[in-house]
N, C-alpha and C. Protein backbone atom coordinates (compact mmCIF):
# COMPACT_ATOMS: atom_id res chain seq x y z
N MET A 1 13.47 -12.38 10.05
CA MET A 1 12.43 -12.98 9.27
C MET A 1 12.07 -12.11 8.06
N TYR A 2 11.93 -10.81 8.34
CA TYR A 2 11.57 -9.88 7.24
C TYR A 2 12.78 -9.08 6.80
N PRO A 3 12.93 -8.94 5.48
CA PRO A 3 14.07 -8.10 4.98
C PRO A 3 13.82 -6.64 5.32
N GLU A 4 14.85 -5.86 5.34
CA GLU A 4 14.75 -4.42 5.64
C GLU A 4 13.82 -3.75 4.62
N GLY A 5 13.02 -2.88 5.10
CA GLY A 5 12.08 -2.15 4.26
C GLY A 5 10.71 -2.82 4.09
N VAL A 6 10.58 -4.00 4.64
CA VAL A 6 9.31 -4.72 4.59
C VAL A 6 8.60 -4.53 5.93
N THR A 7 7.33 -4.26 5.87
CA THR A 7 6.50 -3.97 7.08
C THR A 7 6.34 -5.29 7.86
N ARG A 8 6.59 -5.15 9.18
CA ARG A 8 6.35 -6.25 10.06
C ARG A 8 5.04 -5.99 10.87
N PRO A 9 4.33 -7.04 11.27
CA PRO A 9 3.12 -6.85 12.08
C PRO A 9 3.38 -5.98 13.33
N GLU A 10 4.54 -6.15 13.95
CA GLU A 10 4.87 -5.38 15.13
C GLU A 10 4.91 -3.90 14.88
N GLU A 11 5.37 -3.49 13.66
CA GLU A 11 5.40 -2.09 13.32
C GLU A 11 3.98 -1.54 13.21
N ILE A 12 3.09 -2.28 12.68
CA ILE A 12 1.70 -1.83 12.60
C ILE A 12 1.14 -1.69 13.96
N GLU A 13 1.33 -2.72 14.80
CA GLU A 13 0.79 -2.68 16.17
C GLU A 13 1.36 -1.46 16.96
N HIS A 14 2.65 -1.23 16.81
CA HIS A 14 3.28 -0.11 17.50
C HIS A 14 2.71 1.25 17.01
N ALA A 15 2.62 1.41 15.70
CA ALA A 15 2.09 2.67 15.18
C ALA A 15 0.68 2.99 15.67
N ILE A 16 -0.15 1.92 15.72
CA ILE A 16 -1.53 2.12 16.17
C ILE A 16 -1.62 2.42 17.64
N THR A 17 -0.84 1.67 18.47
CA THR A 17 -0.92 1.91 19.90
C THR A 17 -0.24 3.25 20.24
N ALA A 18 0.67 3.74 19.44
CA ALA A 18 1.25 5.09 19.71
C ALA A 18 0.21 6.17 19.45
N ALA A 19 -0.64 5.97 18.46
CA ALA A 19 -1.67 6.92 18.11
C ALA A 19 -2.90 6.76 18.98
N LEU A 20 -3.18 5.57 19.37
CA LEU A 20 -4.41 5.26 20.22
C LEU A 20 -3.94 4.53 21.46
N PRO A 21 -3.39 5.25 22.44
CA PRO A 21 -2.85 4.58 23.64
C PRO A 21 -3.95 3.76 24.37
N GLY A 22 -3.51 2.60 24.77
CA GLY A 22 -4.44 1.68 25.44
C GLY A 22 -5.21 0.75 24.49
N ALA A 23 -5.07 1.00 23.23
CA ALA A 23 -5.79 0.13 22.27
C ALA A 23 -5.24 -1.30 22.31
N ARG A 24 -6.09 -2.23 22.00
CA ARG A 24 -5.67 -3.63 21.84
C ARG A 24 -5.58 -3.85 20.36
N VAL A 25 -4.40 -4.25 19.88
CA VAL A 25 -4.16 -4.34 18.47
C VAL A 25 -3.53 -5.71 18.13
N ARG A 26 -4.05 -6.34 17.10
CA ARG A 26 -3.49 -7.59 16.62
C ARG A 26 -3.32 -7.46 15.13
N ALA A 27 -2.09 -7.59 14.63
CA ALA A 27 -1.85 -7.52 13.19
C ALA A 27 -1.32 -8.89 12.79
N ILE A 28 -1.77 -9.35 11.65
CA ILE A 28 -1.39 -10.61 11.04
C ILE A 28 -0.96 -10.39 9.64
N ASP A 29 0.24 -10.87 9.29
CA ASP A 29 0.74 -10.83 7.93
C ASP A 29 0.10 -12.02 7.22
N THR A 30 -0.85 -11.82 6.34
CA THR A 30 -1.58 -12.90 5.73
C THR A 30 -0.86 -13.62 4.59
N THR A 31 0.18 -13.02 4.07
CA THR A 31 0.93 -13.67 2.95
C THR A 31 2.37 -14.08 3.29
N GLY A 32 2.86 -13.46 4.38
CA GLY A 32 4.26 -13.67 4.74
C GLY A 32 5.18 -12.73 3.97
N ALA A 33 4.66 -11.84 3.13
CA ALA A 33 5.51 -10.98 2.28
C ALA A 33 5.61 -9.56 2.89
N GLY A 34 4.89 -9.27 3.96
CA GLY A 34 4.98 -7.98 4.60
C GLY A 34 4.23 -6.85 3.91
N ASP A 35 3.20 -7.25 3.08
CA ASP A 35 2.44 -6.21 2.41
C ASP A 35 0.94 -6.47 2.44
N HIS A 36 0.46 -7.59 2.95
CA HIS A 36 -0.99 -7.89 3.15
C HIS A 36 -1.19 -8.16 4.62
N PHE A 37 -2.13 -7.42 5.22
CA PHE A 37 -2.34 -7.60 6.64
C PHE A 37 -3.81 -7.63 7.00
N GLU A 38 -4.12 -8.39 8.04
CA GLU A 38 -5.40 -8.29 8.76
C GLU A 38 -5.08 -7.67 10.08
N VAL A 39 -5.86 -6.65 10.42
CA VAL A 39 -5.59 -5.92 11.67
C VAL A 39 -6.92 -5.77 12.46
N GLU A 40 -6.85 -6.12 13.71
CA GLU A 40 -8.03 -5.95 14.59
C GLU A 40 -7.61 -4.90 15.66
N VAL A 41 -8.46 -3.89 15.84
CA VAL A 41 -8.16 -2.83 16.82
C VAL A 41 -9.43 -2.65 17.71
N VAL A 42 -9.22 -2.69 18.99
CA VAL A 42 -10.24 -2.39 19.96
C VAL A 42 -9.71 -1.15 20.71
N ALA A 43 -10.48 -0.03 20.63
CA ALA A 43 -9.97 1.20 21.22
C ALA A 43 -11.12 2.05 21.75
N ARG A 44 -10.94 2.65 22.91
CA ARG A 44 -11.96 3.48 23.47
C ARG A 44 -12.26 4.73 22.62
N GLU A 45 -11.27 5.14 21.83
CA GLU A 45 -11.53 6.28 20.90
C GLU A 45 -12.59 5.96 19.82
N PHE A 46 -12.94 4.75 19.63
CA PHE A 46 -13.95 4.36 18.70
C PHE A 46 -15.35 4.55 19.14
N ALA A 47 -15.53 4.68 20.45
CA ALA A 47 -16.86 4.77 21.08
C ALA A 47 -17.61 5.98 20.45
N GLY A 48 -18.85 5.71 19.98
CA GLY A 48 -19.67 6.73 19.41
C GLY A 48 -19.33 7.17 18.02
N ARG A 49 -18.36 6.49 17.43
CA ARG A 49 -17.95 6.80 16.07
C ARG A 49 -18.40 5.68 15.12
N GLY A 50 -18.75 6.07 13.88
CA GLY A 50 -19.07 5.06 12.86
C GLY A 50 -17.83 4.31 12.37
N LEU A 51 -18.10 3.30 11.66
CA LEU A 51 -17.02 2.43 11.11
C LEU A 51 -16.02 3.20 10.26
N VAL A 52 -16.52 4.05 9.40
CA VAL A 52 -15.62 4.84 8.50
C VAL A 52 -14.69 5.71 9.33
N GLU A 53 -15.26 6.38 10.33
CA GLU A 53 -14.44 7.22 11.17
C GLU A 53 -13.42 6.40 11.98
N GLN A 54 -13.82 5.24 12.44
CA GLN A 54 -12.87 4.38 13.17
C GLN A 54 -11.71 4.00 12.27
N HIS A 55 -12.01 3.63 11.02
CA HIS A 55 -10.97 3.26 10.03
C HIS A 55 -10.07 4.45 9.71
N ARG A 56 -10.67 5.63 9.61
CA ARG A 56 -9.79 6.80 9.37
C ARG A 56 -8.77 7.03 10.46
N LEU A 57 -9.18 6.80 11.68
CA LEU A 57 -8.25 6.94 12.79
C LEU A 57 -7.07 5.95 12.67
N VAL A 58 -7.40 4.71 12.23
CA VAL A 58 -6.34 3.69 12.03
C VAL A 58 -5.44 4.07 10.87
N TYR A 59 -6.07 4.48 9.74
CA TYR A 59 -5.28 4.87 8.58
C TYR A 59 -4.38 6.06 8.92
N ALA A 60 -4.85 6.98 9.74
CA ALA A 60 -4.02 8.14 10.10
C ALA A 60 -2.81 7.63 10.96
N ALA A 61 -3.05 6.66 11.79
CA ALA A 61 -1.93 6.10 12.62
C ALA A 61 -0.87 5.42 11.76
N LEU A 62 -1.37 4.84 10.62
CA LEU A 62 -0.49 4.06 9.74
C LEU A 62 0.06 4.83 8.56
N GLU A 63 -0.18 6.15 8.52
CA GLU A 63 0.20 7.01 7.40
C GLU A 63 1.62 6.71 6.88
N GLY A 64 2.55 6.63 7.79
CA GLY A 64 3.95 6.44 7.37
C GLY A 64 4.23 5.04 6.83
N LEU A 65 3.44 4.08 7.17
CA LEU A 65 3.63 2.70 6.73
C LEU A 65 2.82 2.36 5.45
N MET A 66 1.81 3.14 5.17
CA MET A 66 0.85 2.80 4.09
C MET A 66 1.55 2.65 2.73
N PRO A 67 2.58 3.39 2.40
CA PRO A 67 3.18 3.17 1.08
C PRO A 67 3.76 1.76 0.86
N ARG A 68 4.03 1.08 1.99
CA ARG A 68 4.58 -0.26 1.92
C ARG A 68 3.55 -1.37 2.07
N ILE A 69 2.27 -0.97 2.38
CA ILE A 69 1.22 -1.94 2.57
C ILE A 69 0.32 -1.95 1.36
N HIS A 70 0.18 -3.14 0.78
CA HIS A 70 -0.65 -3.27 -0.41
C HIS A 70 -2.12 -3.51 -0.06
N ALA A 71 -2.37 -4.35 0.92
CA ALA A 71 -3.76 -4.70 1.33
C ALA A 71 -3.87 -4.65 2.85
N LEU A 72 -4.95 -4.10 3.32
CA LEU A 72 -5.17 -3.97 4.76
C LEU A 72 -6.66 -4.23 5.05
N ALA A 73 -6.92 -5.37 5.73
CA ALA A 73 -8.27 -5.68 6.13
C ALA A 73 -8.40 -5.29 7.63
N LEU A 74 -9.35 -4.37 7.88
CA LEU A 74 -9.48 -3.84 9.23
C LEU A 74 -10.77 -4.30 9.91
N ARG A 75 -10.64 -4.64 11.15
CA ARG A 75 -11.80 -4.90 12.05
C ARG A 75 -11.61 -3.98 13.24
N THR A 76 -12.50 -3.07 13.48
CA THR A 76 -12.38 -2.14 14.56
C THR A 76 -13.68 -2.10 15.36
N ARG A 77 -13.52 -1.78 16.63
CA ARG A 77 -14.66 -1.67 17.57
C ARG A 77 -14.25 -1.04 18.84
N PRO A 78 -15.17 -0.41 19.56
CA PRO A 78 -14.89 0.09 20.89
C PRO A 78 -14.93 -1.11 21.85
N PRO A 79 -14.33 -0.96 23.03
CA PRO A 79 -14.18 -2.07 24.00
C PRO A 79 -15.57 -2.59 24.44
N GLU A 80 -16.62 -1.73 24.54
CA GLU A 80 -17.88 -2.18 25.06
C GLU A 80 -18.69 -2.97 24.04
N GLU A 81 -18.27 -2.96 22.78
CA GLU A 81 -19.02 -3.62 21.74
C GLU A 81 -18.50 -5.11 21.61
N LYS A 82 -19.32 -6.04 21.53
CA LYS A 82 -18.94 -7.41 21.34
C LYS A 82 -18.38 -7.69 19.95
N ALA A 83 -17.35 -8.54 19.88
CA ALA A 83 -16.77 -8.94 18.63
C ALA A 83 -17.78 -9.70 17.85
N GLY A 84 -17.90 -9.47 16.57
CA GLY A 84 -18.87 -10.16 15.77
C GLY A 84 -18.33 -10.71 14.58
């Protein structure tokens, strides 16, 4: 479905779960072009951390993929927090 060199949602999910084991991750390609994504991450590592710090953890996990990603909408939360 995706040409070589284009980011797939599965690559994003794998990179995040490798950095945050046990995280629940859902990545959606919003345009079908492999460069705009919505990503939801629920991870115990987010407990007690502010939103900016949570997002920094995700961006660190995606460091190798970020040059190929144009837009990334993140929703992050620890498991004990209700989705809103």
